[in-house]
């Protein structure tokens, strides 16, 4: 569908913040507002899990309970970019974070709900 590139990962101490960006591009990209955008994460030895999603045009959001109140997703449709602001980070937030996009579906909490994925960016939170 579209190409996604994440950036902004790194090493941070517990309680700190990071800001992840996801830039979308591709000849099939019309406007990012047409896509459901999501962030997932995968820790070593674990399955990829849902973190947050932002729905089309209206921009309604849905967060996993584990990040609610600490993470915020936003989108800049003019720049074809989605931002994940992560505050009050915990060691258990350590994972590779993936950006995902889907043009056609309406569900967003499962990996299979998304047709396009980025390569991932590592987030490491030290205690």
Protein backbone atom coordinates (compact mmCIF):
# COMPACT_ATOMS: atom_id res chain seq x y z
CA UNK A 1 0.00 0.00 0.00
CA UNK A 2 2.41 2.65 1.22
CA UNK A 3 5.99 2.78 2.45
CA UNK A 4 6.55 3.62 6.11
CA UNK A 5 9.76 4.69 7.81
CA UNK A 6 10.03 5.03 11.57
CA UNK A 7 12.56 7.15 13.41
CA UNK A 8 13.19 8.51 16.89
CA UNK A 9 13.95 5.38 18.84
CA UNK A 10 16.82 5.17 21.30
CA UNK A 11 17.93 4.55 24.85
CA UNK A 12 16.26 6.42 27.68
CA UNK A 13 16.07 6.10 31.43
CA UNK A 14 12.86 5.09 33.15
CA UNK A 15 10.59 8.09 33.53
CA UNK A 16 11.96 9.72 30.41
CA UNK A 17 10.35 10.50 27.08
CA UNK A 18 10.84 9.67 23.43
CA UNK A 19 9.10 10.87 20.29
CA UNK A 20 8.72 8.43 17.44
CA UNK A 21 7.89 9.53 13.91
CA UNK A 22 6.46 7.55 11.04
CA UNK A 23 6.81 9.02 7.56
CA UNK A 24 4.57 7.65 4.83
CA UNK A 25 5.32 7.75 1.13
CA UNK A 26 4.58 5.96 -2.11
CA UNK A 27 2.92 6.48 -5.41
CA UNK A 28 -0.33 5.05 -4.07
CA UNK A 29 -0.44 7.48 -1.19
CA UNK A 30 -3.19 9.98 -1.71
CA UNK A 31 -3.69 11.41 1.72
CA UNK A 32 -2.73 9.97 5.06
CA UNK A 33 -6.16 10.84 6.41
CA UNK A 34 -7.52 7.96 4.32
CA UNK A 35 -5.55 5.45 6.39
CA UNK A 36 -5.96 3.94 9.78
CA UNK A 37 -2.51 4.38 11.35
CA UNK A 38 -1.22 2.27 14.17
CA UNK A 39 1.79 1.57 16.35
CA UNK A 40 2.69 -1.91 17.51
CA UNK A 41 5.66 -3.16 19.50
CA UNK A 42 7.52 -6.39 19.84
CA UNK A 43 9.75 -7.30 22.75
CA UNK A 44 12.29 -10.14 22.50
CA UNK A 45 10.60 -13.51 22.65
CA UNK A 46 7.12 -12.00 22.55
CA UNK A 47 4.48 -11.52 19.92
CA UNK A 48 3.93 -8.18 18.27
CA UNK A 49 1.31 -6.30 20.25
CA UNK A 50 -1.02 -3.39 19.66
CA UNK A 51 -0.06 -0.06 21.21
CA UNK A 52 -2.29 2.60 19.69
CA UNK A 53 -4.25 3.48 16.57
CA UNK A 54 -5.69 6.63 15.07
CA UNK A 55 -8.64 6.26 12.78
CA UNK A 56 -9.34 7.94 9.48
CA UNK A 57 -10.34 11.55 8.98
CA UNK A 58 -12.08 11.95 12.33
CA UNK A 59 -8.89 11.07 14.15
CA UNK A 60 -10.41 9.06 16.99
CA UNK A 61 -7.75 7.20 18.94
CA UNK A 62 -7.58 3.95 20.86
CA UNK A 63 -4.79 2.97 23.25
CA UNK A 64 -3.71 -0.27 24.84
CA UNK A 65 -4.34 -0.17 28.57
CA UNK A 66 -0.61 -0.51 29.24
CA UNK A 67 0.17 2.86 27.62
CA UNK A 68 -3.01 4.83 28.27
CA UNK A 69 -2.23 8.18 29.86
CA UNK A 70 1.46 7.98 28.94
CA UNK A 71 1.52 7.73 25.15
CA UNK A 72 -0.11 10.08 22.65
CA UNK A 73 -0.59 9.53 18.94
CA UNK A 74 -1.10 12.34 16.49
CA UNK A 75 -1.04 12.77 12.75
CA UNK A 76 0.04 15.55 10.42
CA UNK A 77 -1.75 14.74 7.20
CA UNK A 78 -0.07 17.57 5.31
CA UNK A 79 3.34 16.07 6.08
CA UNK A 80 2.16 12.44 5.81
CA UNK A 81 3.56 11.82 9.26
CA UNK A 82 2.32 10.13 12.41
CA UNK A 83 3.87 10.90 15.77
CA UNK A 84 3.96 8.76 18.90
CA UNK A 85 4.88 10.77 21.96
CA UNK A 86 5.91 8.47 24.77
CA UNK A 87 6.19 9.85 28.29
CA UNK A 88 6.85 8.27 31.69
CA UNK A 89 8.58 5.37 29.99
CA UNK A 90 9.03 2.12 31.86
CA UNK A 91 11.51 -0.73 31.34
CA UNK A 92 8.61 -2.88 30.15
CA UNK A 93 8.13 -0.49 27.24
CA UNK A 94 11.41 -1.77 25.79
CA UNK A 95 10.68 -3.19 22.34
CA UNK A 96 10.97 -2.62 18.64
CA UNK A 97 8.20 -0.22 17.68
CA UNK A 98 6.50 -0.59 14.33
CA UNK A 99 4.33 1.85 12.43
CA UNK A 100 1.46 0.38 10.41
CA UNK A 101 -1.08 1.67 7.94
CA UNK A 102 -4.24 0.34 6.36
CA UNK A 103 -6.42 1.84 3.68
CA UNK A 104 -9.31 -0.55 3.48
CA UNK A 105 -10.23 -2.16 6.80
CA UNK A 106 -11.97 -0.91 9.91
CA UNK A 107 -10.31 -3.06 12.57
CA UNK A 108 -6.92 -2.12 13.98
CA UNK A 109 -5.94 -4.10 17.07
CA UNK A 110 -4.40 -7.07 15.29
CA UNK A 111 -1.33 -7.38 13.12
CA UNK A 112 -3.45 -8.85 10.32
CA UNK A 113 -5.56 -5.68 10.22
CA UNK A 114 -2.72 -3.70 8.62
CA UNK A 115 -1.40 -3.98 5.08
CA UNK A 116 1.70 -1.80 5.32
CA UNK A 117 4.50 -1.89 7.89
CA UNK A 118 7.67 -0.02 8.61
CA UNK A 119 10.98 -1.65 9.45
CA UNK A 120 10.76 -0.78 13.14
CA UNK A 121 12.75 1.37 15.54
CA UNK A 122 14.31 0.15 18.79
CA UNK A 123 13.22 1.69 22.07
CA UNK A 124 15.19 0.71 25.16
CA UNK A 125 14.22 1.93 28.62
CA UNK A 126 16.77 1.38 31.37
CA UNK A 127 15.83 1.05 35.01
